[in-house]
Amino acid sequence: MPAASPRSSRPLAVVPPSPRVVALAGGTGAAKFLRGLVRVIDPAGITVVVNTADDVQRHGLLVSPDIDSVVYALGGVHDEERGWGLRDETWQALAMLDRLGEETWFQLGDRDLGTHVWRTARRRAGEPLSQVTAAQCRALGVTARVLPMSDDPVTTRVRCRDLGELHFQEYFVRERCAPDIEAIRFDGAERARPAPGVLEAIAEADAVVVCPSNPVVSIGPILAVPGVREALRAVPQSIAITPVVDGRALKGPTVAMLQHAGVEVGPAGVASLYADFCAAMVVDRRDALSVPGVEALGMRAVLAETVMDRLEAAVSLAAVVRDELGFDDDRAGLPACAEGGCVR
């Protein structure tokens, strides 16, 4: 994956106190961060554009893992300890599927299965994923707007040594990221159209925030949808958060993906993938030596604690992002926000 050409550096402008923000998101890391963001910026002004290239069909059901991670987290029903799925989950259906001889490497809890049954029925009745996701948000009380990157199918495929081409979930979950990567492609991306509302939200945004997600297989598919990357270049303010800390990813195959892409495993490498549309990068304090590399790309480097091991840490990180974007820090009299929305 080639590095992006740098966006010209310019000082941040102060924007109105009720900003319109577009967040680009993958799954777990983004979900953690977004729980903080909706507590420091009015969630009614936030649009989250979510990767759908990880979507998979299992046991006849349509599963959208990144959308569910984001919606469950903002709805306050996610399993915080496990980092994915629903809390207070049980696994009886999976146990029966295993007994019946089905492959059960992709774990789906009983409550989670309810989501996938519901989504599959609506999708097969003709509803696009964007409408189904909007209904899911309403049902779970999520105030922020959550959009799939596209209603058209896009699939991340990973070609691995000795195994051939795998669906991303086969590589990530079944094979546990162990095989050597030979190639990565986003099948269908060139034919995909941004989901309704995506380009409009970007055009109206005061700022774009790239969540701390895998830059290759979580953010990369979003940027590969025709028209999205070009639209992002016109947004007045922009900032990304590194998903790499001290040479390691907190979750998932980010390091292996960056190495395959020929990109430095660190904040500067991640920044190089966003430099054409992003003006700043939040760098973890442990990676202070990476600051010159980020700045060499024409981006501002912002040092902060990026490990979100608790909700308070996510709120603190989101506040750093808000302040760097020049937003008013008093929330303009907005009430304190609960999971995914404000308590009024």
Protein backbone atom coordinates (compact mmCIF):
# COMPACT_ATOMS: atom_id res chain seq x y z
CA MET A 1 0.00 0.00 0.00
CA PRO A 2 1.69 3.22 -1.11
CA ALA A 3 2.06 6.12 1.30
CA ALA A 4 -0.28 9.03 0.70
CA SER A 5 0.97 12.36 -0.60
CA PRO A 6 1.04 14.85 2.29
CA ARG A 7 -1.78 17.30 2.84
CA SER A 8 -0.52 20.85 3.17
CA SER A 9 -0.12 21.82 6.81
CA ARG A 10 -2.11 24.73 8.13
CA PRO A 11 -3.23 25.87 11.57
CA LEU A 12 -6.50 24.59 12.93
CA ALA A 13 -9.43 26.98 12.75
CA VAL A 14 -11.85 27.35 15.64
CA VAL A 15 -15.21 25.87 14.72
CA PRO A 16 -18.68 26.26 16.24
CA PRO A 17 -19.29 24.66 19.68
CA SER A 18 -21.72 22.09 18.28
CA PRO A 19 -19.46 20.54 15.65
CA ARG A 20 -20.31 18.06 12.94
CA VAL A 21 -17.78 15.25 13.05
CA VAL A 22 -17.28 12.24 10.79
CA ALA A 23 -15.42 9.34 12.39
CA LEU A 24 -13.94 6.54 10.28
CA ALA A 25 -14.15 3.31 12.23
CA GLY A 26 -13.25 -0.35 12.32
CA GLY A 27 -14.29 -2.54 15.22
CA THR A 28 -12.93 -2.92 18.73
CA GLY A 29 -10.46 -0.03 18.93
CA ALA A 30 -12.87 2.37 17.29
CA ALA A 31 -15.71 1.26 19.57
CA LYS A 32 -13.62 2.00 22.65
CA PHE A 33 -12.66 5.44 21.38
CA LEU A 34 -16.17 6.35 20.28
CA ARG A 35 -17.50 5.70 23.79
CA GLY A 36 -15.24 8.55 24.83
CA LEU A 37 -16.00 10.79 21.87
CA VAL A 38 -19.76 10.85 22.53
CA ARG A 39 -18.97 12.12 26.03
CA VAL A 40 -16.99 15.15 24.89
CA ILE A 41 -18.79 16.06 21.64
CA ASP A 42 -22.56 16.09 21.20
CA PRO A 43 -23.32 12.63 19.71
CA ALA A 44 -26.12 14.13 17.63
CA GLY A 45 -23.41 15.78 15.54
CA ILE A 46 -21.32 12.63 15.08
CA THR A 47 -21.54 10.39 12.02
CA VAL A 48 -19.58 7.14 12.22
CA VAL A 49 -18.66 5.55 8.88
CA VAL A 50 -17.90 1.90 9.56
CA ASN A 51 -15.90 -0.70 7.67
CA THR A 52 -18.04 -3.49 6.22
CA ALA A 53 -15.33 -5.42 4.35
CA ASP A 54 -15.10 -7.79 7.36
CA ASP A 55 -18.77 -8.77 6.97
CA VAL A 56 -19.26 -12.51 6.69
CA GLN A 57 -22.00 -15.09 6.32
CA ARG A 58 -22.05 -17.76 9.01
CA HIS A 59 -24.68 -20.48 9.48
CA GLY A 60 -26.81 -18.76 6.85
CA LEU A 61 -26.77 -15.46 8.72
CA LEU A 62 -25.34 -12.09 7.65
CA VAL A 63 -22.87 -10.81 10.25
CA SER A 64 -21.46 -7.27 10.32
CA PRO A 65 -18.80 -7.47 13.06
CA ASP A 66 -17.53 -3.88 12.97
CA ILE A 67 -20.98 -2.32 12.81
CA ASP A 68 -22.07 -4.46 15.75
CA SER A 69 -18.98 -3.58 17.79
CA VAL A 70 -19.67 0.13 17.30
CA VAL A 71 -23.44 -0.04 17.87
CA TYR A 72 -23.18 -2.36 20.88
CA ALA A 73 -20.55 -0.12 22.49
CA LEU A 74 -22.49 3.11 21.89
CA GLY A 75 -25.67 1.37 23.05
CA GLY A 76 -24.00 0.34 26.30
CA VAL A 77 -24.62 -3.39 25.83
CA HIS A 78 -21.16 -4.58 24.75
CA ASP A 79 -18.94 -6.99 26.67
CA GLU A 80 -16.20 -4.73 27.97
CA GLU A 81 -14.00 -7.53 29.31
CA ARG A 82 -14.01 -9.63 26.16
CA GLY A 83 -13.86 -6.58 23.90
CA TRP A 84 -16.52 -7.79 21.45
CA GLY A 85 -20.06 -9.12 21.46
CA LEU A 86 -22.74 -8.61 24.09
CA ARG A 87 -22.30 -8.80 27.84
CA ASP A 88 -24.03 -11.50 29.88
CA GLU A 89 -23.80 -13.72 26.81
CA THR A 90 -24.54 -17.45 26.69
CA TRP A 91 -23.40 -19.97 24.09
CA GLN A 92 -26.03 -22.72 23.90
CA ALA A 93 -26.83 -22.28 20.20
CA LEU A 94 -23.13 -22.48 19.28
CA ALA A 95 -22.78 -25.65 21.37
CA MET A 96 -25.67 -27.25 19.49
CA LEU A 97 -24.22 -26.20 16.13
CA ASP A 98 -20.96 -27.84 17.15
CA ARG A 99 -22.79 -30.99 18.16
CA LEU A 100 -24.52 -31.02 14.77
CA GLY A 101 -21.15 -30.96 13.07
CA GLU A 102 -20.98 -27.30 12.05
CA GLU A 103 -17.70 -25.40 12.14
CA THR A 104 -17.94 -23.05 15.11
CA TRP A 105 -14.64 -21.18 14.92
CA PHE A 106 -16.53 -17.91 14.47
CA GLN A 107 -18.13 -17.45 17.86
CA LEU A 108 -21.66 -16.09 17.99
CA GLY A 109 -23.41 -15.86 21.33
CA ASP A 110 -27.11 -16.52 21.83
CA ARG A 111 -28.09 -12.85 22.23
CA ASP A 112 -25.79 -11.83 19.40
CA LEU A 113 -27.46 -14.40 17.15
CA GLY A 114 -30.70 -12.49 17.66
CA THR A 115 -29.10 -9.47 15.95
CA HIS A 116 -27.95 -11.55 13.01
CA VAL A 117 -31.30 -13.33 12.56
CA TRP A 118 -33.03 -9.93 12.59
CA ARG A 119 -30.52 -8.33 10.21
CA THR A 120 -30.62 -11.26 7.80
CA ALA A 121 -34.42 -11.26 7.62
CA ARG A 122 -34.52 -7.53 6.86
CA ARG A 123 -31.71 -7.72 4.32
CA ARG A 124 -33.36 -10.63 2.51
CA ALA A 125 -36.60 -8.67 2.47
CA GLY A 126 -34.78 -6.05 0.43
CA GLU A 127 -33.68 -3.44 3.00
CA PRO A 128 -30.18 -2.05 2.41
CA LEU A 129 -27.62 -2.38 5.18
CA SER A 130 -27.70 1.37 5.86
CA GLN A 131 -31.43 1.25 6.69
CA VAL A 132 -31.02 -1.86 8.82
CA THR A 133 -28.16 -0.23 10.73
CA ALA A 134 -30.23 2.91 11.34
CA ALA A 135 -33.02 0.73 12.77
CA GLN A 136 -30.49 -1.10 14.95
CA CYS A 137 -29.26 2.22 16.34
CA ARG A 138 -32.80 3.37 17.12
CA ALA A 139 -33.58 0.11 18.88
CA LEU A 140 -30.47 0.36 21.08
CA GLY A 141 -30.82 4.08 21.80
CA VAL A 142 -27.72 5.19 19.91
CA THR A 143 -27.86 8.93 19.21
CA ALA A 144 -24.80 9.13 16.96
CA ARG A 145 -25.46 8.32 13.33
CA VAL A 146 -23.83 5.04 12.26
CA LEU A 147 -23.43 4.34 8.54
CA PRO A 148 -21.89 1.40 6.73
CA MET A 149 -19.23 2.56 4.29
CA SER A 150 -21.33 1.10 1.46
CA ASP A 151 -24.54 -0.81 0.87
CA ASP A 152 -22.68 -2.74 -1.82
CA PRO A 153 -20.70 -5.87 -0.92
CA VAL A 154 -16.98 -5.36 -0.34
CA THR A 155 -14.88 -8.20 1.08
CA THR A 156 -11.32 -8.19 2.39
CA ARG A 157 -9.48 -11.23 1.06
CA VAL A 158 -6.06 -12.27 2.31
CA ARG A 159 -3.85 -14.55 0.22
CA CYS A 160 -1.71 -16.65 2.51
CA ARG A 161 1.24 -18.91 1.89
CA ASP A 162 0.19 -22.57 1.60
CA LEU A 163 -3.50 -21.73 2.16
CA GLY A 164 -4.42 -19.61 -0.84
CA GLU A 165 -6.97 -16.82 -0.59
CA LEU A 166 -8.99 -16.57 2.61
CA HIS A 167 -11.86 -14.39 3.72
CA PHE A 168 -10.49 -11.95 6.29
CA GLN A 169 -12.42 -13.67 9.09
CA GLU A 170 -10.88 -17.02 8.14
CA TYR A 171 -7.42 -15.45 8.38
CA PHE A 172 -8.17 -13.45 11.53
CA VAL A 173 -10.36 -15.79 13.57
CA ARG A 174 -9.95 -19.32 12.25
CA GLU A 175 -6.23 -19.13 11.49
CA ARG A 176 -5.51 -16.59 14.29
CA CYS A 177 -3.40 -14.41 11.99
CA ALA A 178 -0.71 -17.10 11.85
CA PRO A 179 -0.20 -17.58 8.08
CA ASP A 180 2.29 -15.48 6.15
CA ILE A 181 0.51 -12.85 4.07
CA GLU A 182 1.19 -12.73 0.34
CA ALA A 183 -1.50 -10.27 -0.80
CA ILE A 184 -4.52 -8.33 0.45
CA ARG A 185 -7.34 -7.07 -1.71
CA PHE A 186 -10.76 -5.50 -1.23
CA ASP A 187 -13.00 -7.48 -3.53
CA GLY A 188 -15.79 -5.32 -4.93
CA ALA A 189 -14.40 -1.99 -3.71
CA GLU A 190 -13.94 -0.56 -7.18
CA ARG A 191 -17.65 -1.15 -7.94
CA ALA A 192 -18.98 -0.03 -4.57
CA ARG A 193 -20.80 3.23 -3.98
CA PRO A 194 -20.68 5.11 -0.68
CA ALA A 195 -23.75 4.34 1.40
CA PRO A 196 -26.48 7.00 1.37
CA GLY A 197 -25.43 9.84 3.64
CA VAL A 198 -21.70 9.11 3.66
CA LEU A 199 -20.56 11.73 1.15
CA GLU A 200 -23.14 14.20 2.41
CA ALA A 201 -21.90 13.83 6.00
CA ILE A 202 -18.31 14.33 4.88
CA ALA A 203 -19.23 17.40 2.81
CA GLU A 204 -20.97 18.97 5.81
CA ALA A 205 -18.37 17.98 8.41
CA ASP A 206 -16.34 20.42 10.46
CA ALA A 207 -13.84 17.66 11.13
CA VAL A 208 -12.94 14.07 10.37
CA VAL A 209 -11.47 11.74 12.99
CA VAL A 210 -9.76 8.51 12.02
CA CYS A 211 -10.29 6.10 14.90
CA PRO A 212 -7.45 3.88 16.21
CA SER A 213 -8.34 1.00 13.90
CA ASN A 214 -6.21 -1.18 11.66
CA PRO A 215 -5.17 1.24 8.88
CA VAL A 216 -4.87 -1.49 6.26
CA VAL A 217 -7.96 -3.68 6.67
CA SER A 218 -10.32 -1.49 8.73
CA ILE A 219 -9.76 2.05 7.46
CA GLY A 220 -8.29 0.95 4.12
CA PRO A 221 -11.56 -0.48 2.75
CA ILE A 222 -13.43 2.72 3.64
CA LEU A 223 -10.86 4.80 1.77
CA ALA A 224 -11.05 2.38 -1.17
CA VAL A 225 -14.73 3.12 -1.82
CA PRO A 226 -14.72 5.48 -4.82
CA GLY A 227 -15.27 9.10 -3.85
CA VAL A 228 -14.59 8.80 -0.12
CA ARG A 229 -10.91 9.68 -0.01
CA GLU A 230 -11.40 12.61 -2.38
CA ALA A 231 -14.24 13.96 -0.23
CA LEU A 232 -12.16 13.73 2.94
CA ARG A 233 -9.52 16.05 1.48
CA ALA A 234 -12.01 18.92 1.54
CA VAL A 235 -12.90 18.64 5.26
CA PRO A 236 -11.55 21.68 7.17
CA GLN A 237 -10.15 19.78 10.15
CA SER A 238 -8.75 16.27 10.40
CA ILE A 239 -6.94 14.10 12.92
CA ALA A 240 -6.06 10.41 13.25
CA ILE A 241 -5.16 8.29 16.26
CA THR A 242 -2.42 5.72 16.01
CA PRO A 243 -3.42 2.09 16.69
CA VAL A 244 0.24 1.16 17.21
CA VAL A 245 1.96 1.67 20.57
CA ASP A 246 5.63 0.95 21.11
CA GLY A 247 5.80 -1.15 17.96
CA ARG A 248 2.81 -3.30 18.89
CA ALA A 249 -0.90 -3.35 18.15
CA LEU A 250 -3.13 -3.76 21.19
CA LYS A 251 -5.37 -6.13 19.22
CA GLY A 252 -5.45 -7.77 15.83
CA PRO A 253 -3.03 -8.15 12.93
CA THR A 254 -2.10 -4.49 12.46
CA VAL A 255 1.65 -5.11 12.68
CA ALA A 256 1.59 -7.95 10.14
CA MET A 257 -0.60 -5.92 7.80
CA LEU A 258 1.69 -2.87 7.95
CA GLN A 259 4.74 -5.05 7.37
CA HIS A 260 3.08 -6.62 4.35
CA ALA A 261 2.21 -3.15 3.02
CA GLY A 262 5.85 -2.12 3.35
CA VAL A 263 4.97 0.58 5.86
CA GLU A 264 6.93 1.39 9.00
CA VAL A 265 5.32 -0.20 12.06
CA GLY A 266 4.73 2.92 14.10
CA PRO A 267 2.89 6.24 14.14
CA ALA A 268 4.85 7.68 11.22
CA GLY A 269 4.04 4.66 9.08
CA VAL A 270 0.35 4.89 9.92
CA ALA A 271 0.42 8.65 9.33
CA SER A 272 1.88 8.13 5.86
CA LEU A 273 -1.30 6.29 4.84
CA TYR A 274 -3.49 9.27 5.82
CA ALA A 275 -1.25 12.23 5.01
CA ASP A 276 -3.18 13.35 1.93
CA PHE A 277 -6.34 14.11 3.89
CA CYS A 278 -5.29 14.23 7.54
CA ALA A 279 -3.53 17.20 9.18
CA ALA A 280 -2.65 15.72 12.59
CA MET A 281 -1.81 12.40 14.25
CA VAL A 282 -2.21 11.49 17.91
CA VAL A 283 0.94 9.62 18.94
CA ASP A 284 1.24 7.62 22.14
CA ARG A 285 3.62 9.09 24.72
CA ARG A 286 5.72 5.93 24.52
CA ASP A 287 6.47 6.78 20.89
CA ALA A 288 7.72 10.32 21.35
CA LEU A 289 10.72 9.52 19.15
CA SER A 290 8.28 9.07 16.24
CA VAL A 291 7.21 12.72 16.32
CA PRO A 292 9.82 13.94 13.76
CA GLY A 293 8.73 11.22 11.33
CA VAL A 294 5.10 12.32 11.58
CA GLU A 295 6.01 15.99 11.23
CA ALA A 296 8.16 15.21 8.17
CA LEU A 297 4.90 14.24 6.43
CA GLY A 298 3.51 17.73 6.99
CA MET A 299 1.28 16.56 9.85
CA ARG A 300 1.18 17.80 13.42
CA ALA A 301 2.05 15.22 16.06
CA VAL A 302 0.08 15.26 19.31
CA LEU A 303 1.45 13.26 22.24
CA ALA A 304 -1.14 11.60 24.47
CA GLU A 305 -1.97 8.39 26.32
CA THR A 306 -3.71 6.25 23.69
CA VAL A 307 -4.20 2.97 25.59
CA MET A 308 -7.89 2.82 26.50
CA ASP A 309 -7.97 0.24 29.28
CA ARG A 310 -11.00 1.87 30.90
CA LEU A 311 -13.76 4.29 29.94
CA GLU A 312 -12.04 7.23 31.63
CA ALA A 313 -9.00 6.71 29.41
CA ALA A 314 -11.20 6.79 26.30
CA VAL A 315 -12.83 10.01 27.47
CA SER A 316 -9.41 11.58 28.13
CA LEU A 317 -8.16 10.59 24.68
CA ALA A 318 -11.32 11.92 23.04
CA ALA A 319 -10.87 15.21 24.93
CA VAL A 320 -7.36 15.52 23.48
CA VAL A 321 -8.81 15.04 20.00
CA ARG A 322 -11.58 17.57 20.66
CA ASP A 323 -9.11 20.16 21.92
CA GLU A 324 -6.75 19.63 18.99
CA LEU A 325 -9.64 20.23 16.63
CA GLY A 326 -10.25 23.58 18.31
CA PHE A 327 -13.70 22.72 19.58
CA ASP A 328 -15.19 24.45 22.61
CA ASP A 329 -14.36 22.35 25.66
CA ASP A 330 -17.41 23.25 27.74
CA ARG A 331 -19.84 21.33 25.47
CA ALA A 332 -21.79 24.61 25.08
CA GLY A 333 -24.09 23.66 27.97
CA LEU A 334 -24.85 20.15 26.71
CA PRO A 335 -25.87 17.62 29.39
CA ALA A 336 -23.56 14.81 30.41
CA CYS A 337 -23.63 12.00 27.89
CA ALA A 338 -24.49 8.42 28.62
CA GLU A 339 -23.67 5.45 26.40
CA GLY A 340 -24.22 6.58 22.83
CA GLY A 341 -26.34 9.60 23.69
CA CYS A 342 -27.14 12.36 26.15
CA VAL A 343 -29.22 12.04 29.29
CA ARG A 344 -31.66 14.93 29.13
